């Protein structure tokens, strides 16, 4: 039996002159086991295995290299509900005064609609590259030759 009171968790707290008994350790271990078991099973504080699987498999982040063609098809690991695509290290969109057009480096696609230059069909993402920019128009720049793009797909 400890001379002093219990710790904040209710564990035994001995001093040098105490003579611990086996039952003191068993009580402490049982108390710790119950506290930890309750904590680990608390799904409000911890994710269940089902939740972990859903989170790990519901988002796909990948990249592709533009080939300069009018369109390029990218195979996704699942059929997404929403996809975001952007050109790495570039502005989302910017105006090129000399050519008088907007260069669009970012796009979004969903099952319900898409921005210019991208669409999804099942588990395939198609990105577009404007071949002949028009003065005063918008240039889809989602497949420029050798540029690196990132996509984030949500299941």
Protein backbone atom coordinates (compact mmCIF):
# COMPACT_ATOMS: atom_id res chain seq x y z
CA UNK A 1 0.00 0.00 0.00
CA UNK A 2 1.41 3.40 -0.82
CA UNK A 3 1.96 5.94 1.90
CA UNK A 4 0.84 8.84 -0.31
CA UNK A 5 -2.43 9.37 -2.10
CA UNK A 6 -3.05 8.19 -5.59
CA UNK A 7 -1.91 9.99 -8.76
CA UNK A 8 -4.33 11.99 -10.90
CA UNK A 9 -5.16 8.76 -12.76
CA UNK A 10 -5.70 6.88 -9.52
CA UNK A 11 -2.43 4.95 -9.71
CA UNK A 12 -0.47 4.07 -6.59
CA UNK A 13 2.22 6.57 -5.63
CA UNK A 14 4.92 5.06 -3.40
CA UNK A 15 7.74 6.56 -1.38
CA UNK A 16 11.06 4.84 -0.66
CA UNK A 17 9.90 3.28 2.61
CA UNK A 18 6.70 1.75 1.16
CA UNK A 19 6.45 -1.97 0.54
CA UNK A 20 4.39 -2.44 -2.63
CA UNK A 21 2.24 -5.54 -2.89
CA UNK A 22 1.44 -7.51 -6.00
CA UNK A 23 -2.21 -6.48 -5.69
CA UNK A 24 -1.14 -2.80 -5.96
CA UNK A 25 0.43 -3.48 -9.35
CA UNK A 26 -2.56 -5.54 -10.51
CA UNK A 27 -4.90 -2.66 -9.54
CA UNK A 28 -2.70 -0.15 -11.41
CA UNK A 29 -2.50 -2.35 -14.52
CA UNK A 30 -6.26 -2.93 -14.51
CA UNK A 31 -6.91 0.79 -14.13
CA UNK A 32 -4.49 1.66 -16.96
CA UNK A 33 -5.95 -1.05 -19.18
CA UNK A 34 -9.50 0.28 -18.67
CA UNK A 35 -8.46 3.90 -19.31
CA UNK A 36 -6.52 3.02 -22.48
CA UNK A 37 -9.18 0.66 -23.79
CA UNK A 38 -11.85 3.33 -23.35
CA UNK A 39 -9.64 5.91 -25.07
CA UNK A 40 -8.69 3.70 -28.03
CA UNK A 41 -12.32 2.66 -28.62
CA UNK A 42 -13.57 6.26 -28.61
CA UNK A 43 -14.48 6.81 -32.28
CA UNK A 44 -15.09 10.50 -31.65
CA UNK A 45 -11.38 10.88 -30.90
CA UNK A 46 -10.04 8.15 -33.20
CA UNK A 47 -10.94 6.99 -36.69
CA UNK A 48 -12.30 3.53 -37.18
CA UNK A 49 -10.61 1.23 -39.68
CA UNK A 50 -13.56 1.83 -42.03
CA UNK A 51 -13.04 5.60 -41.74
CA UNK A 52 -9.31 5.25 -42.41
CA UNK A 53 -9.96 3.14 -45.50
CA UNK A 54 -12.51 5.64 -46.80
CA UNK A 55 -10.14 8.58 -46.33
CA UNK A 56 -7.18 6.77 -47.87
CA UNK A 57 -9.14 5.59 -50.89
CA UNK A 58 -11.41 8.59 -51.51
CA UNK A 59 -8.78 11.07 -52.67
CA UNK A 60 -6.21 10.59 -55.42
CA UNK A 61 -3.42 13.07 -56.06
CA UNK A 62 -1.34 12.59 -59.16
CA UNK A 63 0.47 14.38 -61.91
CA UNK A 64 0.93 14.17 -65.64
CA UNK A 65 3.18 15.73 -68.23
CA UNK A 66 1.57 17.67 -71.05
CA UNK A 67 2.11 16.28 -74.53
CA UNK A 68 1.01 19.40 -76.46
CA UNK A 69 -1.81 17.57 -78.24
CA UNK A 70 -5.32 19.01 -78.40
CA UNK A 71 -6.47 16.49 -75.77
CA UNK A 72 -4.88 13.99 -73.44
CA UNK A 73 -6.71 11.30 -71.49
CA UNK A 74 -5.55 10.48 -67.96
CA UNK A 75 -6.63 7.24 -66.29
CA UNK A 76 -7.76 7.84 -62.68
CA UNK A 77 -7.81 5.12 -59.99
CA UNK A 78 -11.59 5.51 -59.53
CA UNK A 79 -14.61 7.35 -60.93
CA UNK A 80 -14.42 10.79 -59.29
CA UNK A 81 -17.21 13.14 -58.30
CA UNK A 82 -14.89 16.15 -58.53
CA UNK A 83 -11.42 16.84 -59.97
CA UNK A 84 -9.15 19.89 -59.69
CA UNK A 85 -6.29 20.31 -62.20
CA UNK A 86 -3.56 22.94 -62.23
CA UNK A 87 -0.25 23.74 -63.89
CA UNK A 88 2.57 23.51 -61.34
CA UNK A 89 4.27 26.77 -60.35
CA UNK A 90 1.98 28.93 -62.46
CA UNK A 91 -0.77 31.46 -61.94
CA UNK A 92 -4.33 30.15 -62.09
CA UNK A 93 -5.07 32.43 -65.05
CA UNK A 94 -3.30 35.41 -66.51
CA UNK A 95 -3.72 37.85 -69.36
CA UNK A 96 -1.08 38.00 -72.09
CA UNK A 97 -1.22 41.58 -73.39
CA UNK A 98 0.81 41.03 -76.58
CA UNK A 99 -1.53 38.27 -77.78
CA UNK A 100 -4.63 39.72 -76.08
CA UNK A 101 -5.88 36.48 -74.57
CA UNK A 102 -6.23 34.83 -71.15
CA UNK A 103 -4.11 31.78 -70.46
CA UNK A 104 -6.11 29.37 -68.30
CA UNK A 105 -3.84 27.05 -66.26
CA UNK A 106 -6.45 25.60 -63.90
CA UNK A 107 -9.71 23.69 -64.31
CA UNK A 108 -12.33 21.80 -62.34
CA UNK A 109 -14.58 18.98 -63.43
CA UNK A 110 -17.52 17.21 -61.84
CA UNK A 111 -20.23 14.83 -62.94
CA UNK A 112 -22.57 17.83 -63.13
CA UNK A 113 -20.37 20.12 -65.19
CA UNK A 114 -16.89 21.34 -65.94
CA UNK A 115 -14.89 24.47 -66.50
CA UNK A 116 -13.33 25.10 -69.88
CA UNK A 117 -10.64 22.67 -71.03
CA UNK A 118 -11.45 19.56 -69.03
CA UNK A 119 -14.07 16.86 -68.64
CA UNK A 120 -14.49 13.49 -66.94
CA UNK A 121 -16.12 10.36 -68.26
CA UNK A 122 -16.17 7.50 -65.81
CA UNK A 123 -12.63 7.06 -64.50
CA UNK A 124 -11.03 9.00 -67.36
CA UNK A 125 -9.99 12.64 -67.14
CA UNK A 126 -9.58 14.48 -70.44
CA UNK A 127 -7.57 17.71 -70.50
CA UNK A 128 -7.39 20.12 -73.43
CA UNK A 129 -4.81 22.40 -74.99
CA UNK A 130 -5.97 25.21 -77.27
CA UNK A 131 -4.09 24.80 -80.54
CA UNK A 132 -4.81 28.17 -82.21
CA UNK A 133 -5.31 30.96 -79.66
CA UNK A 134 -7.80 33.62 -80.70
CA UNK A 135 -7.25 37.29 -79.94
CA UNK A 136 -9.50 38.31 -77.06
CA UNK A 137 -10.26 34.68 -76.14
CA UNK A 138 -9.34 32.16 -73.49
CA UNK A 139 -6.58 29.63 -74.07
CA UNK A 140 -6.98 26.31 -72.30
CA UNK A 141 -3.48 25.50 -71.13
CA UNK A 142 -3.96 22.09 -69.51
CA UNK A 143 -1.77 19.97 -71.80
CA UNK A 144 1.13 22.19 -72.82
CA UNK A 145 4.12 20.24 -74.15
CA UNK A 146 6.48 19.09 -71.33
CA UNK A 147 4.67 21.13 -68.63
CA UNK A 148 3.89 19.38 -65.37
CA UNK A 149 0.30 19.35 -64.07
CA UNK A 150 -1.26 18.14 -60.81
CA UNK A 151 -4.74 16.68 -60.37
CA UNK A 152 -6.67 16.04 -57.18
CA UNK A 153 -9.62 13.67 -57.61
CA UNK A 154 -12.33 13.14 -55.00
CA UNK A 155 -14.40 9.95 -54.93
